[in-house]
Amino acid sequence: KAMQKSSSKLPQKKDFSLYVQNMPYSLGSEELGALFSAFGEVTSATVITKKRRSMGYGFVTYSSLDDAVIATSVMNVLQLNNYTVFMYFFNINFKIQCENIYCNITHFNV
């Protein structure tokens, strides 16, 4: 019973998002999604922009935790066009806050 009770507190929808920072400013949402799709099914890729210019960071969401883990282990500290790209697992609530309040975004659904 204790297991049932604790598992009912788990979120129903799983979101396996990565926060990707220090990206080349020329990298768009479509390219970001294509780059990360080599490691699994990307459900969305977003580059954050302000006044239509990349802010150098974004989000990639995978359909499974395994794919997200593989991507972070292979791609973290990636060298891309003289930029050292870093990524971290991301809390979806902050992403929504960023999209709604702080940022103009370019969004690409795969």
PDB file of N, CA and C in Angstrom:
ATOM      1  N   LYS A   1       0.818  -1.202   0.000  1.00  0.00           N
ATOM      2  CA  LYS A   1       0.000   0.000   0.000  1.00  0.00           C
ATOM      3  C   LYS A   1       0.860   1.265   0.000  1.00  0.00           C
ATOM      4  N   ALA A   2       1.947   1.215   0.741  1.00  0.00           N
ATOM      5  CA  ALA A   2       2.820   2.395   0.791  1.00  0.00           C
ATOM      6  C   ALA A   2       3.350   2.733  -0.598  1.00  0.00           C
ATOM      7  N   MET A   3       3.682   1.708  -1.368  1.00  0.00           N
ATOM      8  CA  MET A   3       4.176   1.936  -2.728  1.00  0.00           C
ATOM      9  C   MET A   3       3.100   2.573  -3.589  1.00  0.00           C
ATOM     10  N   GLN A   4       1.870   2.099  -3.473  1.00  0.00           N
ATOM     11  CA  GLN A   4       0.774   2.688  -4.241  1.00  0.00           C
ATOM     12  C   GLN A   4       0.576   4.151  -3.877  1.00  0.00           C
ATOM     13  N   LYS A   5       0.606   4.434  -2.599  1.00  0.00           N
ATOM     14  CA  LYS A   5       0.378   5.795  -2.151  1.00  0.00           C
ATOM     15  C   LYS A   5       1.450   6.746  -2.688  1.00  0.00           C
ATOM     16  N   SER A   6       2.719   6.356  -2.604  1.00  0.00           N
ATOM     17  CA  SER A   6       3.788   7.238  -3.069  1.00  0.00           C
ATOM     18  C   SER A   6       3.792   7.376  -4.592  1.00  0.00           C
ATOM     19  N   SER A   7       3.455   6.299  -5.307  1.00  0.00           N
ATOM     20  CA  SER A   7       3.458   6.385  -6.763  1.00  0.00           C
ATOM     21  C   SER A   7       2.335   7.265  -7.291  1.00  0.00           C
ATOM     22  N   SER A   8       1.269   7.436  -6.515  1.00  0.00           N
ATOM     23  CA  SER A   8       0.180   8.299  -6.972  1.00  0.00           C
ATOM     24  C   SER A   8       0.595   9.766  -6.970  1.00  0.00           C
ATOM     25  N   LYS A   9       1.671  10.099  -6.268  1.00  0.00           N
ATOM     26  CA  LYS A   9       2.160  11.473  -6.237  1.00  0.00           C
ATOM     27  C   LYS A   9       3.047  11.807  -7.437  1.00  0.00           C
ATOM     28  N   LEU A  10       3.433  10.797  -8.187  1.00  0.00           N
ATOM     29  CA  LEU A  10       4.279  11.036  -9.348  1.00  0.00           C
ATOM     30  C   LEU A  10       3.495  11.768 -10.427  1.00  0.00           C
ATOM     31  N   PRO A  11       4.142  12.658 -11.182  1.00  0.00           N
ATOM     32  CA  PRO A  11       3.431  13.348 -12.262  1.00  0.00           C
ATOM     33  C   PRO A  11       2.951  12.359 -13.313  1.00  0.00           C
ATOM     34  N   GLN A  12       1.798  12.634 -13.880  1.00  0.00           N
ATOM     35  CA  GLN A  12       1.227  11.758 -14.901  1.00  0.00           C
ATOM     36  C   GLN A  12       1.979  11.882 -16.218  1.00  0.00           C
ATOM     37  N   LYS A  13       2.316  13.097 -16.591  1.00  0.00           N
ATOM     38  CA  LYS A  13       3.006  13.329 -17.860  1.00  0.00           C
ATOM     39  C   LYS A  13       4.503  13.434 -17.604  1.00  0.00           C
ATOM     40  N   LYS A  14       5.270  12.701 -18.344  1.00  0.00           N
ATOM     41  CA  LYS A  14       6.716  12.755 -18.195  1.00  0.00           C
ATOM     42  C   LYS A  14       7.286  13.672 -19.278  1.00  0.00           C
ATOM     43  N   ASP A  15       8.192  14.514 -18.858  1.00  0.00           N
ATOM     44  CA  ASP A  15       8.823  15.458 -19.768  1.00  0.00           C
ATOM     45  C   ASP A  15      10.328  15.342 -19.588  1.00  0.00           C
ATOM     46  N   PHE A  16      11.002  14.867 -20.603  1.00  0.00           N
ATOM     47  CA  PHE A  16      12.435  14.641 -20.523  1.00  0.00           C
ATOM     48  C   PHE A  16      13.147  15.740 -21.297  1.00  0.00           C
ATOM     49  N   SER A  17      13.199  16.918 -20.683  1.00  0.00           N
ATOM     50  CA  SER A  17      13.758  18.093 -21.341  1.00  0.00           C
ATOM     51  C   SER A  17      15.184  18.349 -20.892  1.00  0.00           C
ATOM     52  N   LEU A  18      15.966  18.838 -21.842  1.00  0.00           N
ATOM     53  CA  LEU A  18      17.333  19.257 -21.577  1.00  0.00           C
ATOM     54  C   LEU A  18      17.434  20.757 -21.817  1.00  0.00           C
ATOM     55  N   TYR A  19      18.140  21.435 -20.947  1.00  0.00           N
ATOM     56  CA  TYR A  19      18.483  22.835 -21.128  1.00  0.00           C
ATOM     57  C   TYR A  19      19.855  22.841 -21.797  1.00  0.00           C
ATOM     58  N   VAL A  20      19.964  23.485 -22.946  1.00  0.00           N
ATOM     59  CA  VAL A  20      21.206  23.512 -23.721  1.00  0.00           C
ATOM     60  C   VAL A  20      21.701  24.954 -23.738  1.00  0.00           C
ATOM     61  N   GLN A  21      22.931  25.177 -23.278  1.00  0.00           N
ATOM     62  CA  GLN A  21      23.437  26.554 -23.198  1.00  0.00           C
ATOM     63  C   GLN A  21      24.745  26.720 -23.946  1.00  0.00           C
ATOM     64  N   ASN A  22      25.055  27.971 -24.225  1.00  0.00           N
ATOM     65  CA  ASN A  22      26.275  28.369 -24.932  1.00  0.00           C
ATOM     66  C   ASN A  22      26.309  27.824 -26.360  1.00  0.00           C
ATOM     67  N   MET A  23      25.151  27.894 -27.031  1.00  0.00           N
ATOM     68  CA  MET A  23      25.053  27.435 -28.420  1.00  0.00           C
ATOM     69  C   MET A  23      25.499  28.548 -29.362  1.00  0.00           C
ATOM     70  N   PRO A  24      25.966  28.190 -30.552  1.00  0.00           N
ATOM     71  CA  PRO A  24      26.239  29.216 -31.563  1.00  0.00           C
ATOM     72  C   PRO A  24      24.954  30.001 -31.863  1.00  0.00           C
ATOM     73  N   TYR A  25      25.077  31.293 -32.020  1.00  0.00           N
ATOM     74  CA  TYR A  25      23.902  32.135 -32.263  1.00  0.00           C
ATOM     75  C   TYR A  25      23.243  31.844 -33.605  1.00  0.00           C
ATOM     76  N   SER A  26      23.966  31.209 -34.500  1.00  0.00           N
ATOM     77  CA  SER A  26      23.410  30.877 -35.813  1.00  0.00           C
ATOM     78  C   SER A  26      22.550  29.614 -35.786  1.00  0.00           C
ATOM     79  N   LEU A  27      22.584  28.858 -34.696  1.00  0.00           N
ATOM     80  CA  LEU A  27      21.846  27.597 -34.599  1.00  0.00           C
ATOM     81  C   LEU A  27      20.370  27.879 -34.329  1.00  0.00           C
ATOM     82  N   GLY A  28      19.489  27.411 -35.226  1.00  0.00           N
ATOM     83  CA  GLY A  28      18.053  27.588 -35.061  1.00  0.00           C
ATOM     84  C   GLY A  28      17.404  26.363 -34.445  1.00  0.00           C
ATOM     85  N   SER A  29      16.118  26.455 -34.197  1.00  0.00           N
ATOM     86  CA  SER A  29      15.373  25.362 -33.568  1.00  0.00           C
ATOM     87  C   SER A  29      15.396  24.089 -34.404  1.00  0.00           C
ATOM     88  N   GLU A  30      15.241  24.235 -35.710  1.00  0.00           N
ATOM     89  CA  GLU A  30      15.234  23.053 -36.577  1.00  0.00           C
ATOM     90  C   GLU A  30      16.586  22.340 -36.537  1.00  0.00           C
ATOM     91  N   GLU A  31      17.674  23.110 -36.604  1.00  0.00           N
ATOM     92  CA  GLU A  31      19.011  22.515 -36.545  1.00  0.00           C
ATOM     93  C   GLU A  31      19.280  21.879 -35.179  1.00  0.00           C
ATOM     94  N   LEU A  32      18.800  22.520 -34.134  1.00  0.00           N
ATOM     95  CA  LEU A  32      18.960  21.968 -32.787  1.00  0.00           C
ATOM     96  C   LEU A  32      18.265  20.616 -32.679  1.00  0.00           C
ATOM     97  N   GLY A  33      17.031  20.538 -33.178  1.00  0.00           N
ATOM     98  CA  GLY A  33      16.298  19.268 -33.163  1.00  0.00           C
ATOM     99  C   GLY A  33      16.990  18.196 -33.981  1.00  0.00           C
ATOM    100  N   ALA A  34      17.501  18.570 -35.143  1.00  0.00           N
ATOM    101  CA  ALA A  34      18.193  17.602 -35.999  1.00  0.00           C
ATOM    102  C   ALA A  34      19.470  17.094 -35.336  1.00  0.00           C
ATOM    103  N   LEU A  35      20.202  17.981 -34.696  1.00  0.00           N
ATOM    104  CA  LEU A  35      21.441  17.614 -34.023  1.00  0.00           C
ATOM    105  C   LEU A  35      21.191  16.583 -32.919  1.00  0.00           C
ATOM    106  N   PHE A  36      20.144  16.789 -32.143  1.00  0.00           N
ATOM    107  CA  PHE A  36      19.862  15.906 -31.010  1.00  0.00           C
ATOM    108  C   PHE A  36      19.053  14.670 -31.391  1.00  0.00           C
ATOM    109  N   SER A  37      18.463  14.650 -32.557  1.00  0.00           N
ATOM    110  CA  SER A  37      17.655  13.489 -32.963  1.00  0.00           C
ATOM    111  C   SER A  37      18.501  12.248 -33.227  1.00  0.00           C
ATOM    112  N   ALA A  38      19.807  12.409 -33.319  1.00  0.00           N
ATOM    113  CA  ALA A  38      20.695  11.256 -33.503  1.00  0.00           C
ATOM    114  C   ALA A  38      20.667  10.318 -32.299  1.00  0.00           C
ATOM    115  N   PHE A  39      20.162  10.791 -31.161  1.00  0.00           N
ATOM    116  CA  PHE A  39      20.189  10.002 -29.930  1.00  0.00           C
ATOM    117  C   PHE A  39      18.824   9.495 -29.505  1.00  0.00           C
ATOM    118  N   GLY A  40      17.795   9.791 -30.280  1.00  0.00           N
ATOM    119  CA  GLY A  40      16.459   9.311 -29.946  1.00  0.00           C
ATOM    120  C   GLY A  40      15.391  10.222 -30.497  1.00  0.00           C
ATOM    121  N   GLU A  41      14.153   9.930 -30.130  1.00  0.00           N
ATOM    122  CA  GLU A  41      13.011  10.690 -30.641  1.00  0.00           C
ATOM    123  C   GLU A  41      12.879  12.029 -29.923  1.00  0.00           C
ATOM    124  N   VAL A  42      13.137  13.108 -30.658  1.00  0.00           N
ATOM    125  CA  VAL A  42      12.990  14.462 -30.137  1.00  0.00           C
ATOM    126  C   VAL A  42      11.552  14.895 -30.399  1.00  0.00           C
ATOM    127  N   THR A  43      10.838  15.272 -29.341  1.00  0.00           N
ATOM    128  CA  THR A  43       9.455  15.724 -29.514  1.00  0.00           C
ATOM    129  C   THR A  43       9.378  17.226 -29.745  1.00  0.00           C
ATOM    130  N   SER A  44      10.365  17.977 -29.252  1.00  0.00           N
ATOM    131  CA  SER A  44      10.427  19.405 -29.558  1.00  0.00           C
ATOM    132  C   SER A  44      11.836  19.928 -29.321  1.00  0.00           C
ATOM    133  N   ALA A  45      12.150  20.978 -30.047  1.00  0.00           N
ATOM    134  CA  ALA A  45      13.422  21.677 -29.880  1.00  0.00           C
ATOM    135  C   ALA A  45      13.133  23.166 -29.984  1.00  0.00           C
ATOM    136  N   THR A  46      13.650  23.925 -29.041  1.00  0.00           N
ATOM    137  CA  THR A  46      13.340  25.344 -28.956  1.00  0.00           C
ATOM    138  C   THR A  46      14.614  26.148 -28.747  1.00  0.00           C
ATOM    139  N   VAL A  47      14.837  27.146 -29.570  1.00  0.00           N
ATOM    140  CA  VAL A  47      15.915  28.100 -29.350  1.00  0.00           C
ATOM    141  C   VAL A  47      15.266  29.377 -28.830  1.00  0.00           C
ATOM    142  N   ILE A  48      15.763  29.883 -27.717  1.00  0.00           N
ATOM    143  CA  ILE A  48      15.215  31.098 -27.120  1.00  0.00           C
ATOM    144  C   ILE A  48      15.770  32.309 -27.862  1.00  0.00           C
ATOM    145  N   THR A  49      14.871  33.216 -28.219  1.00  0.00           N
ATOM    146  CA  THR A  49      15.265  34.415 -28.954  1.00  0.00           C
ATOM    147  C   THR A  49      14.735  35.662 -28.260  1.00  0.00           C
ATOM    148  N   LYS A  50      15.364  36.768 -28.558  1.00  0.00           N
ATOM    149  CA  LYS A  50      14.895  38.080 -28.121  1.00  0.00           C
ATOM    150  C   LYS A  50      15.028  38.992 -29.323  1.00  0.00           C
ATOM    151  N   LYS A  51      13.926  39.582 -29.726  1.00  0.00           N
ATOM    152  CA  LYS A  51      13.894  40.420 -30.929  1.00  0.00           C
ATOM    153  C   LYS A  51      14.442  39.667 -32.136  1.00  0.00           C
ATOM    154  N   ARG A  52      14.014  38.409 -32.257  1.00  0.00           N
ATOM    155  CA  ARG A  52      14.363  37.518 -33.368  1.00  0.00           C
ATOM    156  C   ARG A  52      15.837  37.119 -33.419  1.00  0.00           C
ATOM    157  N   ARG A  53      16.579  37.365 -32.362  1.00  0.00           N
ATOM    158  CA  ARG A  53      17.984  36.971 -32.308  1.00  0.00           C
ATOM    159  C   ARG A  53      18.152  35.912 -31.232  1.00  0.00           C
ATOM    160  N   SER A  54      18.921  34.884 -31.550  1.00  0.00           N
ATOM    161  CA  SER A  54      19.171  33.810 -30.596  1.00  0.00           C
ATOM    162  C   SER A  54      19.849  34.355 -29.343  1.00  0.00           C
ATOM    163  N   MET A  55      19.431  33.824 -28.206  1.00  0.00           N
ATOM    164  CA  MET A  55      20.058  34.166 -26.933  1.00  0.00           C
ATOM    165  C   MET A  55      21.184  33.182 -26.600  1.00  0.00           C
ATOM    166  N   GLY A  56      21.393  32.173 -27.467  1.00  0.00           N
ATOM    167  CA  GLY A  56      22.481  31.227 -27.253  1.00  0.00           C
ATOM    168  C   GLY A  56      22.135  30.049 -26.361  1.00  0.00           C
ATOM    169  N   TYR A  57      20.842  29.870 -26.090  1.00  0.00           N
ATOM    170  CA  TYR A  57      20.428  28.708 -25.316  1.00  0.00           C
ATOM    171  C   TYR A  57      19.058  28.239 -25.768  1.00  0.00           C
ATOM    172  N   GLY A  58      18.700  27.026 -25.362  1.00  0.00           N
ATOM    173  CA  GLY A  58      17.412  26.479 -25.766  1.00  0.00           C
ATOM    174  C   GLY A  58      17.090  25.204 -25.013  1.00  0.00           C
ATOM    175  N   PHE A  59      16.076  24.505 -25.504  1.00  0.00           N
ATOM    176  CA  PHE A  59      15.561  23.306 -24.854  1.00  0.00           C
ATOM    177  C   PHE A  59      15.329  22.218 -25.886  1.00  0.00           C
ATOM    178  N   VAL A  60      15.642  20.992 -25.503  1.00  0.00           N
ATOM    179  CA  VAL A  60      15.363  19.822 -26.333  1.00  0.00           C
ATOM    180  C   VAL A  60      14.577  18.854 -25.464  1.00  0.00           C
ATOM    181  N   THR A  61      13.456  18.348 -25.985  1.00  0.00           N
ATOM    182  CA  THR A  61      12.630  17.403 -25.237  1.00  0.00           C
ATOM    183  C   THR A  61      12.607  16.071 -25.965  1.00  0.00           C
ATOM    184  N   TYR A  62      12.898  15.019 -25.227  1.00  0.00           N
ATOM    185  CA  TYR A  62      12.882  13.646 -25.746  1.00  0.00           C
ATOM    186  C   TYR A  62      11.627  12.926 -25.281  1.00  0.00           C
ATOM    187  N   SER A  63      11.251  11.898 -26.024  1.00  0.00           N
ATOM    188  CA  SER A  63      10.085  11.097 -25.651  1.00  0.00           C
ATOM    189  C   SER A  63      10.412  10.081 -24.563  1.00  0.00           C
ATOM    190  N   SER A  64      11.708   9.812 -24.329  1.00  0.00           N
ATOM    191  CA  SER A  64      12.063   8.846 -23.285  1.00  0.00           C
ATOM    192  C   SER A  64      13.260   9.329 -22.479  1.00  0.00           C
ATOM    193  N   LEU A  65      13.289   8.904 -21.238  1.00  0.00           N
ATOM    194  CA  LEU A  65      14.397   9.246 -20.354  1.00  0.00           C
ATOM    195  C   LEU A  65      15.707   8.664 -20.872  1.00  0.00           C
ATOM    196  N   ASP A  66      15.679   7.435 -21.356  1.00  0.00           N
ATOM    197  CA  ASP A  66      16.896   6.793 -21.865  1.00  0.00           C
ATOM    198  C   ASP A  66      17.546   7.621 -22.971  1.00  0.00           C
ATOM    199  N   ASP A  67      16.735   8.124 -23.898  1.00  0.00           N
ATOM    200  CA  ASP A  67      17.273   8.940 -24.993  1.00  0.00           C
ATOM    201  C   ASP A  67      17.913  10.224 -24.461  1.00  0.00           C
ATOM    202  N   ALA A  68      17.257  10.854 -23.487  1.00  0.00           N
ATOM    203  CA  ALA A  68      17.791  12.088 -22.905  1.00  0.00           C
ATOM    204  C   ALA A  68      19.107  11.831 -22.179  1.00  0.00           C
ATOM    205  N   VAL A  69      19.190  10.715 -21.464  1.00  0.00           N
ATOM    206  CA  VAL A  69      20.424  10.363 -20.751  1.00  0.00           C
ATOM    207  C   VAL A  69      21.559  10.115 -21.739  1.00  0.00           C
ATOM    208  N   ILE A  70      21.275   9.390 -22.809  1.00  0.00           N
ATOM    209  CA  ILE A  70      22.296   9.132 -23.833  1.00  0.00           C
ATOM    210  C   ILE A  70      22.779  10.452 -24.440  1.00  0.00           C
ATOM    211  N   ALA A  71      21.849  11.331 -24.764  1.00  0.00           N
ATOM    212  CA  ALA A  71      22.225  12.619 -25.364  1.00  0.00           C
ATOM    213  C   ALA A  71      23.122  13.421 -24.433  1.00  0.00           C
ATOM    214  N   THR A  72      22.780  13.479 -23.148  1.00  0.00           N
ATOM    215  CA  THR A  72      23.613  14.260 -22.226  1.00  0.00           C
ATOM    216  C   THR A  72      24.983  13.632 -22.048  1.00  0.00           C
ATOM    217  N   SER A  73      25.046  12.310 -22.018  1.00  0.00           N
ATOM    218  CA  SER A  73      26.349  11.673 -21.816  1.00  0.00           C
ATOM    219  C   SER A  73      27.247  11.813 -23.046  1.00  0.00           C
ATOM    220  N   VAL A  74      26.670  11.809 -24.234  1.00  0.00           N
ATOM    221  CA  VAL A  74      27.463  11.915 -25.463  1.00  0.00           C
ATOM    222  C   VAL A  74      27.728  13.373 -25.840  1.00  0.00           C
ATOM    223  N   MET A  75      26.713  14.220 -25.691  1.00  0.00           N
ATOM    224  CA  MET A  75      26.795  15.585 -26.216  1.00  0.00           C
ATOM    225  C   MET A  75      27.273  16.624 -25.215  1.00  0.00           C
ATOM    226  N   ASN A  76      27.245  16.333 -23.911  1.00  0.00           N
ATOM    227  CA  ASN A  76      27.622  17.360 -22.942  1.00  0.00           C
ATOM    228  C   ASN A  76      29.072  17.780 -23.159  1.00  0.00           C
ATOM    229  N   VAL A  77      29.313  19.058 -23.053  1.00  0.00           N
ATOM    230  CA  VAL A  77      30.607  19.672 -23.312  1.00  0.00           C
ATOM    231  C   VAL A  77      31.020  19.416 -24.765  1.00  0.00           C
ATOM    232  N   LEU A  78      30.085  19.646 -25.649  1.00  0.00           N
ATOM    233  CA  LEU A  78      30.273  19.497 -27.093  1.00  0.00           C
ATOM    234  C   LEU A  78      30.932  20.753 -27.658  1.00  0.00           C
ATOM    235  N   GLN A  79      31.895  20.584 -28.546  1.00  0.00           N
ATOM    236  CA  GLN A  79      32.489  21.709 -29.269  1.00  0.00           C
ATOM    237  C   GLN A  79      31.727  21.880 -30.581  1.00  0.00           C
ATOM    238  N   LEU A  80      31.119  23.032 -30.770  1.00  0.00           N
ATOM    239  CA  LEU A  80      30.320  23.291 -31.959  1.00  0.00           C
ATOM    240  C   LEU A  80      30.615  24.705 -32.444  1.00  0.00           C
ATOM    241  N   ASN A  81      31.277  24.832 -33.590  1.00  0.00           N
ATOM    242  CA  ASN A  81      31.637  26.145 -34.155  1.00  0.00           C
ATOM    243  C   ASN A  81      32.346  27.037 -33.135  1.00  0.00           C
ATOM    244  N   ASN A  82      33.361  26.507 -32.482  1.00  0.00           N
ATOM    245  CA  ASN A  82      34.146  27.236 -31.477  1.00  0.00           C
ATOM    246  C   ASN A  82      33.368  27.612 -30.221  1.00  0.00           C
ATOM    247  N   TYR A  83      32.215  27.005 -29.999  1.00  0.00           N
ATOM    248  CA  TYR A  83      31.442  27.181 -28.774  1.00  0.00           C
ATOM    249  C   TYR A  83      31.481  25.864 -27.998  1.00  0.00           C
ATOM    250  N   THR A  84      31.640  25.942 -26.691  1.00  0.00           N
ATOM    251  CA  THR A  84      31.538  24.754 -25.849  1.00  0.00           C
ATOM    252  C   THR A  84      30.107  24.696 -25.340  1.00  0.00           C
ATOM    253  N   VAL A  85      29.338  23.749 -25.853  1.00  0.00           N
ATOM    254  CA  VAL A  85      27.913  23.626 -25.540  1.00  0.00           C
ATOM    255  C   VAL A  85      27.755  22.720 -24.321  1.00  0.00           C
ATOM    256  N   PHE A  86      26.968  23.177 -23.350  1.00  0.00           N
ATOM    257  CA  PHE A  86      26.673  22.408 -22.141  1.00  0.00           C
ATOM    258  C   PHE A  86      25.188  22.105 -22.091  1.00  0.00           C
ATOM    259  N   MET A  87      24.822  21.018 -21.425  1.00  0.00           N
ATOM    260  CA  MET A  87      23.399  20.711 -21.260  1.00  0.00           C
ATOM    261  C   MET A  87      23.137  20.070 -19.918  1.00  0.00           C
ATOM    262  N   TYR A  88      21.903  20.267 -19.451  1.00  0.00           N
ATOM    263  CA  TYR A  88      21.473  19.774 -18.145  1.00  0.00           C
ATOM    264  C   TYR A  88      20.025  19.316 -18.251  1.00  0.00           C
ATOM    265  N   PHE A  89      19.637  18.386 -17.374  1.00  0.00           N
ATOM    266  CA  PHE A  89      18.212  18.065 -17.287  1.00  0.00           C
ATOM    267  C   PHE A  89      17.494  19.288 -16.763  1.00  0.00           C
ATOM    268  N   PHE A  90      16.264  19.466 -17.219  1.00  0.00           N
ATOM    269  CA  PHE A  90      15.566  20.718 -17.023  1.00  0.00           C
ATOM    270  C   PHE A  90      14.201  20.526 -16.395  1.00  0.00           C
ATOM    271  N   ASN A  91      13.798  21.443 -15.526  1.00  0.00           N
ATOM    272  CA  ASN A  91      12.480  21.452 -14.902  1.00  0.00           C
ATOM    273  C   ASN A  91      11.498  22.178 -15.816  1.00  0.00           C
ATOM    274  N   ILE A  92      10.438  21.508 -16.208  1.00  0.00           N
ATOM    275  CA  ILE A  92       9.467  22.059 -17.170  1.00  0.00           C
ATOM    276  C   ILE A  92       8.796  23.333 -16.672  1.00  0.00           C
ATOM    277  N   ASN A  93       8.625  23.484 -15.368  1.00  0.00           N
ATOM    278  CA  ASN A  93       7.972  24.687 -14.851  1.00  0.00           C
ATOM    279  C   ASN A  93       8.780  25.938 -15.169  1.00  0.00           C
ATOM    280  N   PHE A  94      10.109  25.856 -15.101  1.00  0.00           N
ATOM    281  CA  PHE A  94      10.944  26.994 -15.460  1.00  0.00           C
ATOM    282  C   PHE A  94      10.853  27.279 -16.947  1.00  0.00           C
ATOM    283  N   LYS A  95      10.777  26.227 -17.759  1.00  0.00           N
ATOM    284  CA  LYS A  95      10.665  26.405 -19.210  1.00  0.00           C
ATOM    285  C   LYS A  95       9.398  27.181 -19.552  1.00  0.00           C
ATOM    286  N   ILE A  96       8.288  26.817 -18.938  1.00  0.00           N
ATOM    287  CA  ILE A  96       7.019  27.504 -19.202  1.00  0.00           C
ATOM    288  C   ILE A  96       7.125  28.962 -18.773  1.00  0.00           C
ATOM    289  N   GLN A  97       7.726  29.204 -17.609  1.00  0.00           N
ATOM    290  CA  GLN A  97       7.896  30.569 -17.133  1.00  0.00           C
ATOM    291  C   GLN A  97       8.745  31.370 -18.116  1.00  0.00           C
ATOM    292  N   CYS A  98       9.813  30.789 -18.598  1.00  0.00           N
ATOM    293  CA  CYS A  98      10.689  31.464 -19.550  1.00  0.00           C
ATOM    294  C   CYS A  98       9.943  31.779 -20.840  1.00  0.00           C
ATOM    295  N   GLU A  99       9.197  30.813 -21.353  1.00  0.00           N
ATOM    296  CA  GLU A  99       8.478  31.017 -22.604  1.00  0.00           C
ATOM    297  C   GLU A  99       7.400  32.083 -22.458  1.00  0.00           C
ATOM    298  N   ASN A 100       6.719  32.109 -21.319  1.00  0.00           N
ATOM    299  CA  ASN A 100       5.585  33.010 -21.150  1.00  0.00           C
ATOM    300  C   ASN A 100       5.976  34.412 -20.712  1.00  0.00           C
ATOM    301  N   ILE A 101       7.041  34.545 -19.945  1.00  0.00           N
ATOM    302  CA  ILE A 101       7.337  35.832 -19.335  1.00  0.00           C
ATOM    303  C   ILE A 101       8.588  36.491 -19.898  1.00  0.00           C
ATOM    304  N   TYR A 102       9.687  35.759 -19.951  1.00  0.00           N
ATOM    305  CA  TYR A 102      10.979  36.379 -20.202  1.00  0.00           C
ATOM    306  C   TYR A 102      11.418  36.394 -21.656  1.00  0.00           C
ATOM    307  N   CYS A 103      10.939  35.477 -22.461  1.00  0.00           N
ATOM    308  CA  CYS A 103      11.579  35.237 -23.749  1.00  0.00           C
ATOM    309  C   CYS A 103      10.586  35.234 -24.900  1.00  0.00           C
ATOM    310  N   ASN A 104      11.053  35.634 -26.058  1.00  0.00           N
ATOM    311  CA  ASN A 104      10.359  35.325 -27.302  1.00  0.00           C
ATOM    312  C   ASN A 104      11.025  34.059 -27.807  1.00  0.00           C
ATOM    313  N   ILE A 105      10.253  33.093 -28.278  1.00  0.00           N
ATOM    314  CA  ILE A 105      10.871  31.830 -28.666  1.00  0.00           C
ATOM    315  C   ILE A 105      10.588  31.486 -30.111  1.00  0.00           C
ATOM    316  N   THR A 106      11.502  30.731 -30.673  1.00  0.00           N
ATOM    317  CA  THR A 106      11.296  30.060 -31.945  1.00  0.00           C
ATOM    318  C   THR A 106      11.104  28.607 -31.577  1.00  0.00           C
ATOM    319  N   HIS A 107      10.001  27.999 -31.971  1.00  0.00           N
ATOM    320  CA  HIS A 107       9.684  26.640 -31.543  1.00  0.00           C
ATOM    321  C   HIS A 107       9.574  25.734 -32.753  1.00  0.00           C
ATOM    322  N   PHE A 108      10.147  24.571 -32.657  1.00  0.00           N
ATOM    323  CA  PHE A 108      10.110  23.602 -33.741  1.00  0.00           C
ATOM    324  C   PHE A 108       9.639  22.280 -33.191  1.00  0.00           C
ATOM    325  N   ASN A 109       8.494  21.784 -33.645  1.00  0.00           N
ATOM    326  CA  ASN A 109       8.014  20.461 -33.260  1.00  0.00           C
ATOM    327  C   ASN A 109       8.442  19.468 -34.307  1.00  0.00           C
ATOM    328  N   VAL A 110       9.055  18.381 -33.854  1.00  0.00           N
ATOM    329  CA  VAL A 110       9.547  17.352 -34.765  1.00  0.00           C
ATOM    330  C   VAL A 110       8.421  16.403 -35.091  1.00  0.00           C
TER     331      VAL A 110
END
